[in-house]
Amino acid sequence: MSELKSYLKIKSAIRASSANDKIATIVHKGDKDNGSILIKLRRNDSMSCLLGKSLTHEGNYKWTSLFKDVDNWIEENIVNDKISKERAIDPDLWVLELETDTFWNPLEEI
């Protein structure tokens, strides 16, 4: 079975966010079929975290924080700088921002 296309994952994340009374915004549109996805979680106090999929030692993909040596919630400008660097490396990257006060990832199960 093939994996869902990126734009379908984004659409499902937006719908799941809406169903959970959270606001989701596409910050950057990537390749509709195979673009990698970053999820920026943003709290009301402008603290954020950035999630991306990474390969585990077991060979599976798992959503993890892109800031491994710090707490999950950090200053938003640091997260935005990281997003800019990632987009410079991969212009096909999707960036989805979720306004939430909890650590919540609608794509965790997809």
PDB file of N, CA and C in Angstrom:
ATOM      1  N   MET A   1       0.841  -1.177   0.000  1.00  0.00           N
ATOM      2  CA  MET A   1       0.000   0.000   0.000  1.00  0.00           C
ATOM      3  C   MET A   1       0.888   1.241   0.000  1.00  0.00           C
ATOM      4  N   SER A   2       0.568   2.186  -0.858  1.00  0.00           N
ATOM      5  CA  SER A   2       1.382   3.395  -0.943  1.00  0.00           C
ATOM      6  C   SER A   2       0.941   4.419   0.100  1.00  0.00           C
ATOM      7  N   GLU A   3       1.835   5.327   0.388  1.00  0.00           N
ATOM      8  CA  GLU A   3       1.558   6.355   1.390  1.00  0.00           C
ATOM      9  C   GLU A   3       0.695   7.460   0.780  1.00  0.00           C
ATOM     10  N   LEU A   4      -0.102   8.099   1.631  1.00  0.00           N
ATOM     11  CA  LEU A   4      -0.936   9.214   1.177  1.00  0.00           C
ATOM     12  C   LEU A   4      -0.081  10.344   0.627  1.00  0.00           C
ATOM     13  N   LYS A   5      -0.603  11.024  -0.351  1.00  0.00           N
ATOM     14  CA  LYS A   5       0.083  12.186  -0.921  1.00  0.00           C
ATOM     15  C   LYS A   5       0.104  13.303   0.117  1.00  0.00           C
ATOM     16  N   SER A   6       1.109  14.144   0.030  1.00  0.00           N
ATOM     17  CA  SER A   6       1.322  15.198   1.026  1.00  0.00           C
ATOM     18  C   SER A   6       0.129  16.131   1.155  1.00  0.00           C
ATOM     19  N   TYR A   7      -0.447  16.540   0.022  1.00  0.00           N
ATOM     20  CA  TYR A   7      -1.559  17.486   0.108  1.00  0.00           C
ATOM     21  C   TYR A   7      -2.776  16.863   0.794  1.00  0.00           C
ATOM     22  N   LEU A   8      -2.958  15.540   0.680  1.00  0.00           N
ATOM     23  CA  LEU A   8      -4.057  14.873   1.379  1.00  0.00           C
ATOM     24  C   LEU A   8      -3.798  14.817   2.881  1.00  0.00           C
ATOM     25  N   LYS A   9      -2.545  14.620   3.262  1.00  0.00           N
ATOM     26  CA  LYS A   9      -2.198  14.647   4.685  1.00  0.00           C
ATOM     27  C   LYS A   9      -2.471  16.028   5.272  1.00  0.00           C
ATOM     28  N   ILE A  10      -2.096  17.070   4.527  1.00  0.00           N
ATOM     29  CA  ILE A  10      -2.318  18.439   4.987  1.00  0.00           C
ATOM     30  C   ILE A  10      -3.813  18.708   5.130  1.00  0.00           C
ATOM     31  N   LYS A  11      -4.598  18.307   4.126  1.00  0.00           N
ATOM     32  CA  LYS A  11      -6.050  18.506   4.192  1.00  0.00           C
ATOM     33  C   LYS A  11      -6.646  17.789   5.394  1.00  0.00           C
ATOM     34  N   SER A  12      -6.191  16.575   5.660  1.00  0.00           N
ATOM     35  CA  SER A  12      -6.727  15.831   6.799  1.00  0.00           C
ATOM     36  C   SER A  12      -6.306  16.471   8.118  1.00  0.00           C
ATOM     37  N   ALA A  13      -5.102  17.022   8.177  1.00  0.00           N
ATOM     38  CA  ALA A  13      -4.647  17.706   9.393  1.00  0.00           C
ATOM     39  C   ALA A  13      -5.475  18.962   9.650  1.00  0.00           C
ATOM     40  N   ILE A  14      -5.803  19.688   8.592  1.00  0.00           N
ATOM     41  CA  ILE A  14      -6.624  20.894   8.740  1.00  0.00           C
ATOM     42  C   ILE A  14      -8.022  20.519   9.222  1.00  0.00           C
ATOM     43  N   ARG A  15      -8.588  19.469   8.663  1.00  0.00           N
ATOM     44  CA  ARG A  15      -9.922  19.023   9.103  1.00  0.00           C
ATOM     45  C   ARG A  15      -9.898  18.531  10.543  1.00  0.00           C
ATOM     46  N   ALA A  16      -8.884  17.772  10.906  1.00  0.00           N
ATOM     47  CA  ALA A  16      -8.772  17.294  12.287  1.00  0.00           C
ATOM     48  C   ALA A  16      -8.603  18.463  13.247  1.00  0.00           C
ATOM     49  N   SER A  17      -7.849  19.462  12.831  1.00  0.00           N
ATOM     50  CA  SER A  17      -7.658  20.648  13.668  1.00  0.00           C
ATOM     51  C   SER A  17      -8.979  21.363  13.885  1.00  0.00           C
ATOM     52  N   SER A  18      -9.713  21.555  12.820  1.00  0.00           N
ATOM     53  CA  SER A  18     -11.014  22.212  12.911  1.00  0.00           C
ATOM     54  C   SER A  18     -11.961  21.431  13.819  1.00  0.00           C
ATOM     55  N   ALA A  19     -11.959  20.115  13.689  1.00  0.00           N
ATOM     56  CA  ALA A  19     -12.817  19.269  14.520  1.00  0.00           C
ATOM     57  C   ALA A  19     -12.436  19.345  15.994  1.00  0.00           C
ATOM     58  N   ASN A  20     -11.184  19.712  16.274  1.00  0.00           N
ATOM     59  CA  ASN A  20     -10.701  19.833  17.654  1.00  0.00           C
ATOM     60  C   ASN A  20     -10.598  21.291  18.098  1.00  0.00           C
ATOM     61  N   ASP A  21     -11.301  22.177  17.392  1.00  0.00           N
ATOM     62  CA  ASP A  21     -11.340  23.613  17.726  1.00  0.00           C
ATOM     63  C   ASP A  21      -9.961  24.252  17.750  1.00  0.00           C
ATOM     64  N   LYS A  22      -9.128  23.870  16.802  1.00  0.00           N
ATOM     65  CA  LYS A  22      -7.798  24.455  16.669  1.00  0.00           C
ATOM     66  C   LYS A  22      -7.681  25.080  15.279  1.00  0.00           C
ATOM     67  N   ILE A  23      -6.891  26.130  15.180  1.00  0.00           N
ATOM     68  CA  ILE A  23      -6.692  26.812  13.907  1.00  0.00           C
ATOM     69  C   ILE A  23      -5.433  26.262  13.246  1.00  0.00           C
ATOM     70  N   ALA A  24      -5.568  25.866  11.987  1.00  0.00           N
ATOM     71  CA  ALA A  24      -4.429  25.367  11.210  1.00  0.00           C
ATOM     72  C   ALA A  24      -4.240  26.267   9.999  1.00  0.00           C
ATOM     73  N   THR A  25      -2.989  26.651   9.750  1.00  0.00           N
ATOM     74  CA  THR A  25      -2.663  27.531   8.633  1.00  0.00           C
ATOM     75  C   THR A  25      -1.510  26.929   7.840  1.00  0.00           C
ATOM     76  N   ILE A  26      -1.673  26.891   6.521  1.00  0.00           N
ATOM     77  CA  ILE A  26      -0.565  26.459   5.666  1.00  0.00           C
ATOM     78  C   ILE A  26       0.376  27.649   5.519  1.00  0.00           C
ATOM     79  N   VAL A  27       1.570  27.534   6.071  1.00  0.00           N
ATOM     80  CA  VAL A  27       2.570  28.599   6.006  1.00  0.00           C
ATOM     81  C   VAL A  27       3.324  28.523   4.683  1.00  0.00           C
ATOM     82  N   HIS A  28       3.567  27.304   4.222  1.00  0.00           N
ATOM     83  CA  HIS A  28       4.264  27.114   2.947  1.00  0.00           C
ATOM     84  C   HIS A  28       3.742  25.855   2.279  1.00  0.00           C
ATOM     85  N   LYS A  29       3.367  25.988   1.006  1.00  0.00           N
ATOM     86  CA  LYS A  29       2.929  24.834   0.227  1.00  0.00           C
ATOM     87  C   LYS A  29       4.140  24.184  -0.423  1.00  0.00           C
ATOM     88  N   GLY A  30       4.217  22.877  -0.266  1.00  0.00           N
ATOM     89  CA  GLY A  30       5.307  22.130  -0.869  1.00  0.00           C
ATOM     90  C   GLY A  30       4.822  21.300  -2.041  1.00  0.00           C
ATOM     91  N   ASP A  31       5.605  20.311  -2.403  1.00  0.00           N
ATOM     92  CA  ASP A  31       5.233  19.401  -3.481  1.00  0.00           C
ATOM     93  C   ASP A  31       3.976  18.644  -3.071  1.00  0.00           C
ATOM     94  N   LYS A  32       2.948  18.684  -3.934  1.00  0.00           N
ATOM     95  CA  LYS A  32       1.653  18.119  -3.545  1.00  0.00           C
ATOM     96  C   LYS A  32       1.682  16.606  -3.390  1.00  0.00           C
ATOM     97  N   ASP A  33       2.611  15.949  -4.048  1.00  0.00           N
ATOM     98  CA  ASP A  33       2.651  14.493  -3.969  1.00  0.00           C
ATOM     99  C   ASP A  33       3.586  13.963  -2.886  1.00  0.00           C
ATOM    100  N   ASN A  34       4.818  14.448  -2.869  1.00  0.00           N
ATOM    101  CA  ASN A  34       5.831  13.851  -1.992  1.00  0.00           C
ATOM    102  C   ASN A  34       6.573  14.834  -1.108  1.00  0.00           C
ATOM    103  N   GLY A  35       6.066  16.043  -0.945  1.00  0.00           N
ATOM    104  CA  GLY A  35       6.757  17.017  -0.107  1.00  0.00           C
ATOM    105  C   GLY A  35       6.765  16.603   1.357  1.00  0.00           C
ATOM    106  N   SER A  36       7.902  16.758   1.998  1.00  0.00           N
ATOM    107  CA  SER A  36       7.978  16.507   3.437  1.00  0.00           C
ATOM    108  C   SER A  36       7.126  17.541   4.159  1.00  0.00           C
ATOM    109  N   ILE A  37       6.723  17.222   5.391  1.00  0.00           N
ATOM    110  CA  ILE A  37       5.845  18.104   6.154  1.00  0.00           C
ATOM    111  C   ILE A  37       6.488  18.431   7.489  1.00  0.00           C
ATOM    112  N   LEU A  38       6.503  19.720   7.818  1.00  0.00           N
ATOM    113  CA  LEU A  38       6.863  20.175   9.154  1.00  0.00           C
ATOM    114  C   LEU A  38       5.608  20.735   9.805  1.00  0.00           C
ATOM    115  N   ILE A  39       5.451  20.475  11.087  1.00  0.00           N
ATOM    116  CA  ILE A  39       4.320  21.014  11.833  1.00  0.00           C
ATOM    117  C   ILE A  39       4.856  21.926  12.921  1.00  0.00           C
ATOM    118  N   LYS A  40       4.428  23.176  12.852  1.00  0.00           N
ATOM    119  CA  LYS A  40       4.792  24.157  13.874  1.00  0.00           C
ATOM    120  C   LYS A  40       3.607  24.290  14.821  1.00  0.00           C
ATOM    121  N   LEU A  41       3.827  23.962  16.081  1.00  0.00           N
ATOM    122  CA  LEU A  41       2.813  24.163  17.107  1.00  0.00           C
ATOM    123  C   LEU A  41       3.103  25.500  17.775  1.00  0.00           C
ATOM    124  N   ARG A  42       2.080  26.364  17.841  1.00  0.00           N
ATOM    125  CA  ARG A  42       2.276  27.709  18.393  1.00  0.00           C
ATOM    126  C   ARG A  42       1.269  27.954  19.505  1.00  0.00           C
ATOM    127  N   ARG A  43       1.796  28.309  20.685  1.00  0.00           N
ATOM    128  CA  ARG A  43       0.937  28.662  21.812  1.00  0.00           C
ATOM    129  C   ARG A  43       0.619  30.152  21.782  1.00  0.00           C
ATOM    130  N   ASN A  44      -0.352  30.561  22.591  1.00  0.00           N
ATOM    131  CA  ASN A  44      -0.740  31.974  22.673  1.00  0.00           C
ATOM    132  C   ASN A  44       0.371  32.862  23.217  1.00  0.00           C
ATOM    133  N   ASP A  45       1.298  32.298  23.969  1.00  0.00           N
ATOM    134  CA  ASP A  45       2.401  33.086  24.530  1.00  0.00           C
ATOM    135  C   ASP A  45       3.593  33.170  23.574  1.00  0.00           C
ATOM    136  N   SER A  46       3.379  32.807  22.318  1.00  0.00           N
ATOM    137  CA  SER A  46       4.393  32.848  21.252  1.00  0.00           C
ATOM    138  C   SER A  46       5.535  31.852  21.451  1.00  0.00           C
ATOM    139  N   MET A  47       5.333  30.885  22.289  1.00  0.00           N
ATOM    140  CA  MET A  47       6.277  29.777  22.375  1.00  0.00           C
ATOM    141  C   MET A  47       5.827  28.731  21.362  1.00  0.00           C
ATOM    142  N   SER A  48       6.785  28.067  20.745  1.00  0.00           N
ATOM    143  CA  SER A  48       6.468  27.133  19.668  1.00  0.00           C
ATOM    144  C   SER A  48       7.323  25.882  19.763  1.00  0.00           C
ATOM    145  N   CYS A  49       6.940  24.892  18.994  1.00  0.00           N
ATOM    146  CA  CYS A  49       7.797  23.731  18.778  1.00  0.00           C
ATOM    147  C   CYS A  49       7.633  23.306  17.327  1.00  0.00           C
ATOM    148  N   LEU A  50       8.584  22.566  16.839  1.00  0.00           N
ATOM    149  CA  LEU A  50       8.602  22.173  15.436  1.00  0.00           C
ATOM    150  C   LEU A  50       8.761  20.661  15.348  1.00  0.00           C
ATOM    151  N   LEU A  51       7.832  20.037  14.631  1.00  0.00           N
ATOM    152  CA  LEU A  51       7.833  18.591  14.490  1.00  0.00           C
ATOM    153  C   LEU A  51       8.089  18.190  13.046  1.00  0.00           C
ATOM    154  N   GLY A  52       8.818  17.115  12.883  1.00  0.00           N
ATOM    155  CA  GLY A  52       9.068  16.542  11.570  1.00  0.00           C
ATOM    156  C   GLY A  52       9.210  15.036  11.713  1.00  0.00           C
ATOM    157  N   LYS A  53       9.092  14.330  10.613  1.00  0.00           N
ATOM    158  CA  LYS A  53       9.248  12.877  10.651  1.00  0.00           C
ATOM    159  C   LYS A  53      10.716  12.517  10.523  1.00  0.00           C
ATOM    160  N   SER A  54      11.143  11.588  11.359  1.00  0.00           N
ATOM    161  CA  SER A  54      12.518  11.103  11.264  1.00  0.00           C
ATOM    162  C   SER A  54      12.520   9.586  11.367  1.00  0.00           C
ATOM    163  N   LEU A  55      13.565   9.000  10.848  1.00  0.00           N
ATOM    164  CA  LEU A  55      13.705   7.550  10.824  1.00  0.00           C
ATOM    165  C   LEU A  55      14.264   7.060  12.154  1.00  0.00           C
ATOM    166  N   THR A  56      13.609   6.054  12.741  1.00  0.00           N
ATOM    167  CA  THR A  56      14.078   5.478  13.998  1.00  0.00           C
ATOM    168  C   THR A  56      15.123   4.397  13.719  1.00  0.00           C
ATOM    169  N   HIS A  57      15.754   3.918  14.778  1.00  0.00           N
ATOM    170  CA  HIS A  57      16.742   2.843  14.642  1.00  0.00           C
ATOM    171  C   HIS A  57      16.096   1.553  14.136  1.00  0.00           C
ATOM    172  N   GLU A  58      14.782   1.413  14.371  1.00  0.00           N
ATOM    173  CA  GLU A  58      14.063   0.217  13.927  1.00  0.00           C
ATOM    174  C   GLU A  58      13.641   0.299  12.463  1.00  0.00           C
ATOM    175  N   GLY A  59      13.888   1.442  11.817  1.00  0.00           N
ATOM    176  CA  GLY A  59      13.532   1.599  10.414  1.00  0.00           C
ATOM    177  C   GLY A  59      12.134   2.138  10.177  1.00  0.00           C
ATOM    178  N   ASN A  60      11.508   2.660  11.224  1.00  0.00           N
ATOM    179  CA  ASN A  60      10.173   3.244  11.099  1.00  0.00           C
ATOM    180  C   ASN A  60      10.267   4.759  11.189  1.00  0.00           C
ATOM    181  N   TYR A  61       9.271   5.435  10.627  1.00  0.00           N
ATOM    182  CA  TYR A  61       9.227   6.891  10.732  1.00  0.00           C
ATOM    183  C   TYR A  61       8.402   7.290  11.940  1.00  0.00           C
ATOM    184  N   LYS A  62       8.869   8.333  12.636  1.00  0.00           N
ATOM    185  CA  LYS A  62       8.195   8.809  13.841  1.00  0.00           C
ATOM    186  C   LYS A  62       8.266  10.333  13.865  1.00  0.00           C
ATOM    187  N   TRP A  63       7.189  10.969  14.321  1.00  0.00           N
ATOM    188  CA  TRP A  63       7.183  12.420  14.484  1.00  0.00           C
ATOM    189  C   TRP A  63       7.998  12.784  15.717  1.00  0.00           C
ATOM    190  N   THR A  64       8.967  13.683  15.544  1.00  0.00           N
ATOM    191  CA  THR A  64       9.813  14.112  16.650  1.00  0.00           C
ATOM    192  C   THR A  64      10.050  15.616  16.556  1.00  0.00           C
ATOM    193  N   SER A  65      10.501  16.179  17.660  1.00  0.00           N
ATOM    194  CA  SER A  65      10.873  17.590  17.679  1.00  0.00           C
ATOM    195  C   SER A  65      12.167  17.770  16.896  1.00  0.00           C
ATOM    196  N   LEU A  66      12.268  18.851  16.132  1.00  0.00           N
ATOM    197  CA  LEU A  66      13.499  19.139  15.401  1.00  0.00           C
ATOM    198  C   LEU A  66      14.549  19.792  16.290  1.00  0.00           C
ATOM    199  N   PHE A  67      14.189  20.070  17.538  1.00  0.00           N
ATOM    200  CA  PHE A  67      15.120  20.617  18.525  1.00  0.00           C
ATOM    201  C   PHE A  67      15.289  19.564  19.611  1.00  0.00           C
ATOM    202  N   LYS A  68      16.240  18.696  19.426  1.00  0.00           N
ATOM    203  CA  LYS A  68      16.380  17.541  20.307  1.00  0.00           C
ATOM    204  C   LYS A  68      17.031  17.850  21.654  1.00  0.00           C
ATOM    205  N   ASP A  69      17.818  18.917  21.738  1.00  0.00           N
ATOM    206  CA  ASP A  69      18.560  19.184  22.964  1.00  0.00           C
ATOM    207  C   ASP A  69      17.910  20.224  23.868  1.00  0.00           C
ATOM    208  N   VAL A  70      16.688  20.648  23.523  1.00  0.00           N
ATOM    209  CA  VAL A  70      16.004  21.657  24.338  1.00  0.00           C
ATOM    210  C   VAL A  70      14.588  21.192  24.620  1.00  0.00           C
ATOM    211  N   ASP A  71      13.910  21.910  25.516  1.00  0.00           N
ATOM    212  CA  ASP A  71      12.505  21.610  25.781  1.00  0.00           C
ATOM    213  C   ASP A  71      11.707  21.735  24.492  1.00  0.00           C
ATOM    214  N   ASN A  72      10.586  21.080  24.427  1.00  0.00           N
ATOM    215  CA  ASN A  72       9.763  21.120  23.222  1.00  0.00           C
ATOM    216  C   ASN A  72       9.291  22.523  22.889  1.00  0.00           C
ATOM    217  N   TRP A  73       8.926  23.325  23.881  1.00  0.00           N
ATOM    218  CA  TRP A  73       8.419  24.680  23.645  1.00  0.00           C
ATOM    219  C   TRP A  73       9.562  25.674  23.762  1.00  0.00           C
ATOM    220  N   ILE A  74       9.838  26.388  22.667  1.00  0.00           N
ATOM    221  CA  ILE A  74      10.917  27.372  22.649  1.00  0.00           C
ATOM    222  C   ILE A  74      10.413  28.648  21.983  1.00  0.00           C
ATOM    223  N   GLU A  75      11.246  29.666  21.965  1.00  0.00           N
ATOM    224  CA  GLU A  75      10.847  30.948  21.392  1.00  0.00           C
ATOM    225  C   GLU A  75      10.529  30.799  19.906  1.00  0.00           C
ATOM    226  N   GLU A  76       9.462  31.478  19.489  1.00  0.00           N
ATOM    227  CA  GLU A  76       8.970  31.337  18.122  1.00  0.00           C
ATOM    228  C   GLU A  76       9.996  31.764  17.075  1.00  0.00           C
ATOM    229  N   ASN A  77      10.775  32.794  17.359  1.00  0.00           N
ATOM    230  CA  ASN A  77      11.756  33.251  16.365  1.00  0.00           C
ATOM    231  C   ASN A  77      12.809  32.181  16.080  1.00  0.00           C
ATOM    232  N   ILE A  78      13.153  31.383  17.057  1.00  0.00           N
ATOM    233  CA  ILE A  78      14.111  30.289  16.852  1.00  0.00           C
ATOM    234  C   ILE A  78      13.495  29.223  15.941  1.00  0.00           C
ATOM    235  N   VAL A  79      12.229  28.922  16.175  1.00  0.00           N
ATOM    236  CA  VAL A  79      11.521  27.954  15.333  1.00  0.00           C
ATOM    237  C   VAL A  79      11.416  28.478  13.904  1.00  0.00           C
ATOM    238  N   ASN A  80      11.081  29.762  13.751  1.00  0.00           N
ATOM    239  CA  ASN A  80      10.969  30.345  12.408  1.00  0.00           C
ATOM    240  C   ASN A  80      12.301  30.318  11.663  1.00  0.00           C
ATOM    241  N   ASP A  81      13.393  30.565  12.377  1.00  0.00           N
ATOM    242  CA  ASP A  81      14.720  30.480  11.754  1.00  0.00           C
ATOM    243  C   ASP A  81      15.003  29.059  11.263  1.00  0.00           C
ATOM    244  N   LYS A  82      14.642  28.079  12.068  1.00  0.00           N
ATOM    245  CA  LYS A  82      14.842  26.671  11.687  1.00  0.00           C
ATOM    246  C   LYS A  82      14.010  26.331  10.451  1.00  0.00           C
ATOM    247  N   ILE A  83      12.773  26.831  10.399  1.00  0.00           N
ATOM    248  CA  ILE A  83      11.920  26.591   9.234  1.00  0.00           C
ATOM    249  C   ILE A  83      12.557  27.193   7.984  1.00  0.00           C
ATOM    250  N   SER A  84      13.078  28.406   8.094  1.00  0.00           N
ATOM    251  CA  SER A  84      13.733  29.052   6.945  1.00  0.00           C
ATOM    252  C   SER A  84      14.916  28.231   6.450  1.00  0.00           C
ATOM    253  N   LYS A  85      15.707  27.709   7.376  1.00  0.00           N
ATOM    254  CA  LYS A  85      16.857  26.881   6.997  1.00  0.00           C
ATOM    255  C   LYS A  85      16.410  25.584   6.320  1.00  0.00           C
ATOM    256  N   GLU A  86      15.377  24.967   6.863  1.00  0.00           N
ATOM    257  CA  GLU A  86      14.868  23.725   6.275  1.00  0.00           C
ATOM    258  C   GLU A  86      14.300  23.968   4.879  1.00  0.00           C
ATOM    259  N   ARG A  87      13.606  25.093   4.682  1.00  0.00           N
ATOM    260  CA  ARG A  87      13.045  25.421   3.366  1.00  0.00           C
ATOM    261  C   ARG A  87      14.140  25.730   2.353  1.00  0.00           C
ATOM    262  N   ALA A  88      15.259  26.296   2.812  1.00  0.00           N
ATOM    263  CA  ALA A  88      16.384  26.556   1.905  1.00  0.00           C
ATOM    264  C   ALA A  88      16.980  25.244   1.398  1.00  0.00           C
ATOM    265  N   ILE A  89      16.967  24.228   2.243  1.00  0.00           N
ATOM    266  CA  ILE A  89      17.475  22.907   1.862  1.00  0.00           C
ATOM    267  C   ILE A  89      16.460  22.167   0.997  1.00  0.00           C
ATOM    268  N   ASP A  90      15.184  22.284   1.351  1.00  0.00           N
ATOM    269  CA  ASP A  90      14.118  21.539   0.672  1.00  0.00           C
ATOM    270  C   ASP A  90      12.955  22.467   0.325  1.00  0.00           C
ATOM    271  N   PRO A  91      12.966  23.075  -0.866  1.00  0.00           N
ATOM    272  CA  PRO A  91      11.885  23.993  -1.248  1.00  0.00           C
ATOM    273  C   PRO A  91      10.541  23.296  -1.468  1.00  0.00           C
ATOM    274  N   ASP A  92      10.527  21.964  -1.541  1.00  0.00           N
ATOM    275  CA  ASP A  92       9.277  21.214  -1.706  1.00  0.00           C
ATOM    276  C   ASP A  92       8.595  20.914  -0.374  1.00  0.00           C
ATOM    277  N   LEU A  93       9.105  21.481   0.689  1.00  0.00           N
ATOM    278  CA  LEU A  93       8.641  21.241   2.052  1.00  0.00           C
ATOM    279  C   LEU A  93       7.314  21.947   2.326  1.00  0.00           C
ATOM    280  N   TRP A  94       6.414  21.248   2.999  1.00  0.00           N
ATOM    281  CA  TRP A  94       5.180  21.847   3.513  1.00  0.00           C
ATOM    282  C   TRP A  94       5.428  22.301   4.947  1.00  0.00           C
ATOM    283  N   VAL A  95       4.839  23.441   5.327  1.00  0.00           N
ATOM    284  CA  VAL A  95       4.885  23.895   6.719  1.00  0.00           C
ATOM    285  C   VAL A  95       3.455  24.200   7.137  1.00  0.00           C
ATOM    286  N   LEU A  96       2.981  23.489   8.144  1.00  0.00           N
ATOM    287  CA  LEU A  96       1.637  23.678   8.677  1.00  0.00           C
ATOM    288  C   LEU A  96       1.759  24.201  10.100  1.00  0.00           C
ATOM    289  N   GLU A  97       1.106  25.323  10.381  1.00  0.00           N
ATOM    290  CA  GLU A  97       1.136  25.909  11.723  1.00  0.00           C
ATOM    291  C   GLU A  97      -0.194  25.658  12.413  1.00  0.00           C
ATOM    292  N   LEU A  98      -0.123  25.156  13.638  1.00  0.00           N
ATOM    293  CA  LEU A  98      -1.309  24.900  14.446  1.00  0.00           C
ATOM    294  C   LEU A  98      -1.270  25.772  15.688  1.00  0.00           C
ATOM    295  N   GLU A  99      -2.368  26.459  15.957  1.00  0.00           N
ATOM    296  CA  GLU A  99      -2.478  27.234  17.186  1.00  0.00           C
ATOM    297  C   GLU A  99      -3.064  26.320  18.247  1.00  0.00           C
ATOM    298  N   THR A 100      -2.251  26.003  19.249  1.00  0.00           N
ATOM    299  CA  THR A 100      -2.659  25.068  20.292  1.00  0.00           C
ATOM    300  C   THR A 100      -1.842  25.315  21.550  1.00  0.00           C
ATOM    301  N   ASP A 101      -2.447  25.096  22.693  1.00  0.00           N
ATOM    302  CA  ASP A 101      -1.712  25.213  23.948  1.00  0.00           C
ATOM    303  C   ASP A 101      -1.240  23.857  24.450  1.00  0.00           C
ATOM    304  N   THR A 102      -1.555  22.815  23.694  1.00  0.00           N
ATOM    305  CA  THR A 102      -1.131  21.469  24.065  1.00  0.00           C
ATOM    306  C   THR A 102      -0.236  20.898  22.970  1.00  0.00           C
ATOM    307  N   PHE A 103       0.537  19.919  23.333  1.00  0.00           N
ATOM    308  CA  PHE A 103       1.404  19.246  22.374  1.00  0.00           C
ATOM    309  C   PHE A 103       0.536  18.254  21.607  1.00  0.00           C
ATOM    310  N   TRP A 104       0.051  18.678  20.428  1.00  0.00           N
ATOM    311  CA  TRP A 104      -0.916  17.894  19.665  1.00  0.00           C
ATOM    312  C   TRP A 104      -0.505  17.842  18.205  1.00  0.00           C
ATOM    313  N   ASN A 105      -0.474  16.645  17.646  1.00  0.00           N
ATOM    314  CA  ASN A 105      -0.097  16.456  16.248  1.00  0.00           C
ATOM    315  C   ASN A 105      -1.191  15.669  15.537  1.00  0.00           C
ATOM    316  N   PRO A 106      -1.956  16.327  14.644  1.00  0.00           N
ATOM    317  CA  PRO A 106      -3.036  15.620  13.954  1.00  0.00           C
ATOM    318  C   PRO A 106      -2.545  14.564  12.963  1.00  0.00           C
ATOM    319  N   LEU A 107      -1.273  14.574  12.631  1.00  0.00           N
ATOM    320  CA  LEU A 107      -0.734  13.600  11.676  1.00  0.00           C
ATOM    321  C   LEU A 107      -0.030  12.426  12.357  1.00  0.00           C
ATOM    322  N   GLU A 108      -0.099  12.371  13.656  1.00  0.00           N
ATOM    323  CA  GLU A 108       0.587  11.317  14.410  1.00  0.00           C
ATOM    324  C   GLU A 108       0.181   9.914  13.942  1.00  0.00           C
ATOM    325  N   GLU A 109      -1.073   9.731  13.606  1.00  0.00           N
ATOM    326  CA  GLU A 109      -1.573   8.403  13.245  1.00  0.00           C
ATOM    327  C   GLU A 109      -1.582   8.142  11.745  1.00  0.00           C
ATOM    328  N   ILE A 110      -1.215   9.141  10.944  1.00  0.00           N
ATOM    329  CA  ILE A 110      -1.277   8.965   9.484  1.00  0.00           C
ATOM    330  C   ILE A 110       0.069   8.504   8.954  1.00  0.00           C
TER     331      ILE A 110
END
